[in-house]
Amino acid sequence: MTKLFTIIVLTALLLSCTSEKEQNPFLINKQNIGLLTDSTQVKDLELVFTKDSIIQPSLKGDQFILQNNDIEIYSSEGIKMLILSPRRALDSTSVIGSVRILNENYKTEKDISLLSTFKDLKEAYKISSINNLINSVVIYIDEIDASFTIDKKELPANLRFDMTLKIEPVQIPDAAKIKYFIMHW
């Protein structure tokens, strides 16, 4: 009887180990980017990015002069991957409020990355809104709490210079490239 019990336990352990998938460090979901989650605290970033370099703002003199609270993540090859913005400045227990994706290896579950075009984006997700800024348009996707930035150089000339225009999805060329995107938590 104990041999049967031992075999059942070992089989269950083996099956549970093989069924668990290793977390893709570049997969973007609504609440996580690889091992980074919407509840990861600043103090725990070294546990998440064990092989990467983390560049945090340093205090020099008066902390009220500090304007940039962003944390930059570089790969072991020195390539800038992400920019993390904590919710609260100078607080190691703060969680991350937003993540700017700067590397094409990161992809959403629907395979959208920096290598994607506007056509890929609108086929994968429902566009919630479009903001017309000075040098870019920002496309908001509520489904994943993300904003995708396209440089206005990708737009027709008649849309590049007037910030008062309401830009519709049909006006953005299908081949327009994504400059970067931000996950909002």
C-alpha atoms as a PDB file:
ATOM      1  CA  MET A   1       0.000   0.000   0.000  1.00  0.00           C
ATOM      2  CA  THR A   2       2.799   2.444   0.850  1.00  0.00           C
ATOM      3  CA  LYS A   3       4.501   1.717  -2.492  1.00  0.00           C
ATOM      4  CA  LEU A   4       1.277   2.570  -4.316  1.00  0.00           C
ATOM      5  CA  PHE A   5       0.914   5.766  -2.291  1.00  0.00           C
ATOM      6  CA  THR A   6       4.550   6.701  -3.022  1.00  0.00           C
ATOM      7  CA  ILE A   7       4.065   6.101  -6.746  1.00  0.00           C
ATOM      8  CA  ILE A   8       0.919   8.249  -6.795  1.00  0.00           C
ATOM      9  CA  VAL A   9       2.641  11.103  -4.938  1.00  0.00           C
ATOM     10  CA  LEU A  10       5.718  10.976  -7.192  1.00  0.00           C
ATOM     11  CA  THR A  11       3.531  10.895 -10.303  1.00  0.00           C
ATOM     12  CA  ALA A  12       1.539  13.888  -9.070  1.00  0.00           C
ATOM     13  CA  LEU A  13       4.741  15.809  -8.331  1.00  0.00           C
ATOM     14  CA  LEU A  14       6.204  14.963 -11.714  1.00  0.00           C
ATOM     15  CA  LEU A  15       3.049  16.045 -13.540  1.00  0.00           C
ATOM     16  CA  SER A  16       2.804  19.300 -11.589  1.00  0.00           C
ATOM     17  CA  CYS A  17       6.429  20.134 -12.364  1.00  0.00           C
ATOM     18  CA  THR A  18       6.071  19.448 -16.077  1.00  0.00           C
ATOM     19  CA  SER A  19       2.760  21.298 -16.410  1.00  0.00           C
ATOM     20  CA  GLU A  20       4.116  24.543 -14.988  1.00  0.00           C
ATOM     21  CA  LYS A  21       5.440  26.815 -17.696  1.00  0.00           C
ATOM     22  CA  GLU A  22       8.472  28.957 -17.129  1.00  0.00           C
ATOM     23  CA  GLN A  23       7.456  32.620 -17.031  1.00  0.00           C
ATOM     24  CA  ASN A  24       8.361  34.380 -20.285  1.00  0.00           C
ATOM     25  CA  PRO A  25      10.398  37.445 -19.188  1.00  0.00           C
ATOM     26  CA  PHE A  26       9.143  39.415 -22.213  1.00  0.00           C
ATOM     27  CA  LEU A  27       5.421  38.602 -22.127  1.00  0.00           C
ATOM     28  CA  ILE A  28       3.155  41.559 -21.344  1.00  0.00           C
ATOM     29  CA  ASN A  29      -0.205  41.039 -19.633  1.00  0.00           C
ATOM     30  CA  LYS A  30      -2.518  43.566 -18.027  1.00  0.00           C
ATOM     31  CA  GLN A  31      -0.951  43.045 -14.561  1.00  0.00           C
ATOM     32  CA  ASN A  32       2.581  41.943 -15.374  1.00  0.00           C
ATOM     33  CA  ILE A  33       5.545  42.291 -17.688  1.00  0.00           C
ATOM     34  CA  GLY A  34       7.517  39.087 -17.350  1.00  0.00           C
ATOM     35  CA  LEU A  35       8.189  38.692 -13.625  1.00  0.00           C
ATOM     36  CA  LEU A  36       7.420  42.365 -12.899  1.00  0.00           C
ATOM     37  CA  THR A  37       3.879  42.732 -11.557  1.00  0.00           C
ATOM     38  CA  ASP A  38       1.637  45.637 -10.668  1.00  0.00           C
ATOM     39  CA  SER A  39       2.363  44.890  -6.999  1.00  0.00           C
ATOM     40  CA  THR A  40       6.177  44.675  -7.228  1.00  0.00           C
ATOM     41  CA  GLN A  41       7.811  47.186  -4.897  1.00  0.00           C
ATOM     42  CA  VAL A  42      10.864  49.249  -5.858  1.00  0.00           C
ATOM     43  CA  LYS A  43      12.933  47.477  -3.199  1.00  0.00           C
ATOM     44  CA  ASP A  44      12.243  44.117  -4.892  1.00  0.00           C
ATOM     45  CA  LEU A  45      13.377  45.059  -8.410  1.00  0.00           C
ATOM     46  CA  GLU A  46      16.720  43.287  -8.015  1.00  0.00           C
ATOM     47  CA  LEU A  47      14.823  40.020  -7.453  1.00  0.00           C
ATOM     48  CA  VAL A  48      12.891  40.548 -10.693  1.00  0.00           C
ATOM     49  CA  PHE A  49      15.787  41.726 -12.882  1.00  0.00           C
ATOM     50  CA  THR A  50      18.550  39.462 -11.559  1.00  0.00           C
ATOM     51  CA  LYS A  51      20.632  39.487 -14.762  1.00  0.00           C
ATOM     52  CA  ASP A  52      19.955  43.093 -15.749  1.00  0.00           C
ATOM     53  CA  SER A  53      21.246  46.474 -14.597  1.00  0.00           C
ATOM     54  CA  ILE A  54      18.954  48.739 -12.601  1.00  0.00           C
ATOM     55  CA  ILE A  55      19.696  52.465 -12.685  1.00  0.00           C
ATOM     56  CA  GLN A  56      17.843  54.373  -9.968  1.00  0.00           C
ATOM     57  CA  PRO A  57      17.883  58.137  -9.449  1.00  0.00           C
ATOM     58  CA  SER A  58      20.432  59.204  -6.879  1.00  0.00           C
ATOM     59  CA  LEU A  59      20.067  61.952  -4.348  1.00  0.00           C
ATOM     60  CA  LYS A  60      22.575  64.700  -4.757  1.00  0.00           C
ATOM     61  CA  GLY A  61      22.034  67.563  -2.395  1.00  0.00           C
ATOM     62  CA  ASP A  62      18.459  68.652  -1.799  1.00  0.00           C
ATOM     63  CA  GLN A  63      15.992  65.885  -2.673  1.00  0.00           C
ATOM     64  CA  PHE A  64      13.381  68.453  -3.707  1.00  0.00           C
ATOM     65  CA  ILE A  65      15.527  69.298  -6.729  1.00  0.00           C
ATOM     66  CA  LEU A  66      15.174  65.728  -7.967  1.00  0.00           C
ATOM     67  CA  GLN A  67      12.866  65.895 -10.983  1.00  0.00           C
ATOM     68  CA  ASN A  68      13.324  62.468 -12.489  1.00  0.00           C
ATOM     69  CA  ASN A  69      12.126  59.555 -10.374  1.00  0.00           C
ATOM     70  CA  ASP A  70      12.331  57.009 -13.207  1.00  0.00           C
ATOM     71  CA  ILE A  71      14.203  53.731 -12.874  1.00  0.00           C
ATOM     72  CA  GLU A  72      15.931  52.456 -16.000  1.00  0.00           C
ATOM     73  CA  ILE A  73      16.435  48.760 -16.734  1.00  0.00           C
ATOM     74  CA  TYR A  74      19.306  47.735 -19.025  1.00  0.00           C
ATOM     75  CA  SER A  75      19.989  44.232 -20.317  1.00  0.00           C
ATOM     76  CA  SER A  76      23.282  42.537 -19.508  1.00  0.00           C
ATOM     77  CA  GLU A  77      24.390  43.658 -22.998  1.00  0.00           C
ATOM     78  CA  GLY A  78      23.792  47.320 -22.069  1.00  0.00           C
ATOM     79  CA  ILE A  79      20.573  47.784 -24.066  1.00  0.00           C
ATOM     80  CA  LYS A  80      17.918  49.998 -22.463  1.00  0.00           C
ATOM     81  CA  MET A  81      14.848  47.805 -22.032  1.00  0.00           C
ATOM     82  CA  LEU A  82      12.354  49.550 -19.749  1.00  0.00           C
ATOM     83  CA  ILE A  83      11.737  52.752 -17.833  1.00  0.00           C
ATOM     84  CA  LEU A  84       9.793  52.234 -14.598  1.00  0.00           C
ATOM     85  CA  SER A  85       7.957  55.077 -12.886  1.00  0.00           C
ATOM     86  CA  PRO A  86       7.147  54.443  -9.205  1.00  0.00           C
ATOM     87  CA  ARG A  87       3.863  55.782  -7.840  1.00  0.00           C
ATOM     88  CA  ARG A  88       5.653  57.607  -4.998  1.00  0.00           C
ATOM     89  CA  ALA A  89       9.008  59.316  -5.342  1.00  0.00           C
ATOM     90  CA  LEU A  90      11.915  58.278  -3.127  1.00  0.00           C
ATOM     91  CA  ASP A  91       9.963  55.435  -1.487  1.00  0.00           C
ATOM     92  CA  SER A  92      11.420  51.923  -1.704  1.00  0.00           C
ATOM     93  CA  THR A  93       8.048  50.416  -0.726  1.00  0.00           C
ATOM     94  CA  SER A  94       6.241  52.135  -3.598  1.00  0.00           C
ATOM     95  CA  VAL A  95       4.852  49.988  -6.395  1.00  0.00           C
ATOM     96  CA  ILE A  96       5.433  50.782 -10.046  1.00  0.00           C
ATOM     97  CA  GLY A  97       2.821  53.082 -11.577  1.00  0.00           C
ATOM     98  CA  SER A  98       3.813  52.752 -15.233  1.00  0.00           C
ATOM     99  CA  VAL A  99       6.336  50.983 -17.421  1.00  0.00           C
ATOM    100  CA  ARG A 100       7.648  52.366 -20.708  1.00  0.00           C
ATOM    101  CA  ILE A 101       8.563  49.561 -23.112  1.00  0.00           C
ATOM    102  CA  LEU A 102      11.676  50.408 -25.155  1.00  0.00           C
ATOM    103  CA  ASN A 103      12.747  47.024 -26.494  1.00  0.00           C
ATOM    104  CA  GLU A 104      11.169  44.975 -29.280  1.00  0.00           C
ATOM    105  CA  ASN A 105      11.535  41.695 -27.356  1.00  0.00           C
ATOM    106  CA  TYR A 106       8.578  42.624 -25.142  1.00  0.00           C
ATOM    107  CA  LYS A 107       5.246  41.481 -26.607  1.00  0.00           C
ATOM    108  CA  THR A 108       1.647  41.496 -25.472  1.00  0.00           C
ATOM    109  CA  GLU A 109      -0.378  38.286 -25.400  1.00  0.00           C
ATOM    110  CA  LYS A 110      -1.726  39.335 -28.804  1.00  0.00           C
ATOM    111  CA  ASP A 111       1.830  39.653 -30.166  1.00  0.00           C
ATOM    112  CA  ILE A 112       2.040  43.471 -30.249  1.00  0.00           C
ATOM    113  CA  SER A 113       5.562  44.848 -29.840  1.00  0.00           C
ATOM    114  CA  LEU A 114       7.696  47.768 -30.997  1.00  0.00           C
ATOM    115  CA  LEU A 115       8.022  45.916 -34.299  1.00  0.00           C
ATOM    116  CA  SER A 116       4.243  46.103 -34.819  1.00  0.00           C
ATOM    117  CA  THR A 117       2.445  48.573 -37.037  1.00  0.00           C
ATOM    118  CA  PHE A 118      -0.724  50.551 -36.412  1.00  0.00           C
ATOM    119  CA  LYS A 119      -2.592  47.956 -38.517  1.00  0.00           C
ATOM    120  CA  ASP A 120      -1.392  45.188 -36.175  1.00  0.00           C
ATOM    121  CA  LEU A 121      -2.488  47.224 -33.149  1.00  0.00           C
ATOM    122  CA  LYS A 122      -6.000  48.020 -34.396  1.00  0.00           C
ATOM    123  CA  GLU A 123      -6.545  44.398 -35.494  1.00  0.00           C
ATOM    124  CA  ALA A 124      -5.487  43.075 -32.077  1.00  0.00           C
ATOM    125  CA  TYR A 125      -7.195  45.592 -29.769  1.00  0.00           C
ATOM    126  CA  LYS A 126     -10.116  47.997 -29.672  1.00  0.00           C
ATOM    127  CA  ILE A 127      -8.851  51.581 -29.712  1.00  0.00           C
ATOM    128  CA  SER A 128     -10.317  53.537 -26.802  1.00  0.00           C
ATOM    129  CA  SER A 129      -9.104  57.012 -27.756  1.00  0.00           C
ATOM    130  CA  ILE A 130      -6.433  58.960 -29.633  1.00  0.00           C
ATOM    131  CA  ASN A 131      -4.661  62.065 -28.323  1.00  0.00           C
ATOM    132  CA  ASN A 132      -3.084  64.532 -30.747  1.00  0.00           C
ATOM    133  CA  LEU A 133       0.130  65.909 -29.197  1.00  0.00           C
ATOM    134  CA  ILE A 134       2.880  68.181 -30.549  1.00  0.00           C
ATOM    135  CA  ASN A 135       5.163  65.532 -32.058  1.00  0.00           C
ATOM    136  CA  SER A 136       3.149  62.351 -31.671  1.00  0.00           C
ATOM    137  CA  VAL A 137      -0.235  60.714 -31.386  1.00  0.00           C
ATOM    138  CA  VAL A 138      -1.011  58.518 -28.410  1.00  0.00           C
ATOM    139  CA  ILE A 139      -3.408  55.620 -28.870  1.00  0.00           C
ATOM    140  CA  TYR A 140      -5.075  54.308 -25.700  1.00  0.00           C
ATOM    141  CA  ILE A 141      -6.116  50.676 -25.299  1.00  0.00           C
ATOM    142  CA  ASP A 142      -8.258  50.246 -22.175  1.00  0.00           C
ATOM    143  CA  GLU A 143      -8.318  46.445 -22.489  1.00  0.00           C
ATOM    144  CA  ILE A 144      -4.692  46.223 -21.322  1.00  0.00           C
ATOM    145  CA  ASP A 145      -4.306  49.704 -19.750  1.00  0.00           C
ATOM    146  CA  ALA A 146      -1.693  50.760 -22.281  1.00  0.00           C
ATOM    147  CA  SER A 147      -0.888  53.748 -24.453  1.00  0.00           C
ATOM    148  CA  PHE A 148       0.971  53.424 -27.750  1.00  0.00           C
ATOM    149  CA  THR A 149       2.913  56.365 -29.171  1.00  0.00           C
ATOM    150  CA  ILE A 150       3.340  56.955 -32.887  1.00  0.00           C
ATOM    151  CA  ASP A 151       5.608  59.733 -34.131  1.00  0.00           C
ATOM    152  CA  LYS A 152       3.771  62.321 -36.249  1.00  0.00           C
ATOM    153  CA  LYS A 153       6.418  61.797 -38.949  1.00  0.00           C
ATOM    154  CA  GLU A 154       4.486  58.587 -39.674  1.00  0.00           C
ATOM    155  CA  LEU A 155       1.306  60.575 -40.446  1.00  0.00           C
ATOM    156  CA  PRO A 156       0.260  62.417 -43.614  1.00  0.00           C
ATOM    157  CA  ALA A 157       1.551  66.007 -43.755  1.00  0.00           C
ATOM    158  CA  ASN A 158      -1.925  67.525 -43.224  1.00  0.00           C
ATOM    159  CA  LEU A 159      -2.141  65.875 -39.767  1.00  0.00           C
ATOM    160  CA  ARG A 160       1.335  66.722 -38.434  1.00  0.00           C
ATOM    161  CA  PHE A 161       1.112  70.370 -37.430  1.00  0.00           C
ATOM    162  CA  ASP A 162      -2.408  71.096 -36.169  1.00  0.00           C
ATOM    163  CA  MET A 163      -2.857  69.909 -32.578  1.00  0.00           C
ATOM    164  CA  THR A 164      -6.526  70.901 -32.597  1.00  0.00           C
ATOM    165  CA  LEU A 165      -7.445  68.231 -35.145  1.00  0.00           C
ATOM    166  CA  LYS A 166      -9.296  65.203 -33.870  1.00  0.00           C
ATOM    167  CA  ILE A 167      -7.400  62.291 -35.360  1.00  0.00           C
ATOM    168  CA  GLU A 168      -9.454  59.209 -36.185  1.00  0.00           C
ATOM    169  CA  PRO A 169      -8.048  55.686 -36.604  1.00  0.00           C
ATOM    170  CA  VAL A 170      -8.794  55.704 -40.349  1.00  0.00           C
ATOM    171  CA  GLN A 171      -6.441  58.697 -40.759  1.00  0.00           C
ATOM    172  CA  ILE A 172      -3.416  56.859 -39.355  1.00  0.00           C
ATOM    173  CA  PRO A 173      -1.584  54.838 -42.031  1.00  0.00           C
ATOM    174  CA  ASP A 174      -1.605  51.069 -41.510  1.00  0.00           C
ATOM    175  CA  ALA A 175       2.208  51.015 -41.862  1.00  0.00           C
ATOM    176  CA  ALA A 176       2.785  53.606 -39.087  1.00  0.00           C
ATOM    177  CA  LYS A 177       5.327  52.227 -36.598  1.00  0.00           C
ATOM    178  CA  ILE A 178       4.993  52.241 -32.825  1.00  0.00           C
ATOM    179  CA  LYS A 179       7.706  54.424 -31.255  1.00  0.00           C
ATOM    180  CA  TYR A 180       7.165  53.085 -27.724  1.00  0.00           C
ATOM    181  CA  PHE A 181       4.344  52.122 -25.435  1.00  0.00           C
ATOM    182  CA  ILE A 182       3.495  52.448 -21.774  1.00  0.00           C
ATOM    183  CA  MET A 183       1.706  50.033 -19.486  1.00  0.00           C
ATOM    184  CA  HIS A 184      -0.291  51.870 -16.801  1.00  0.00           C
ATOM    185  CA  TRP A 185      -0.881  50.246 -13.405  1.00  0.00           C
END
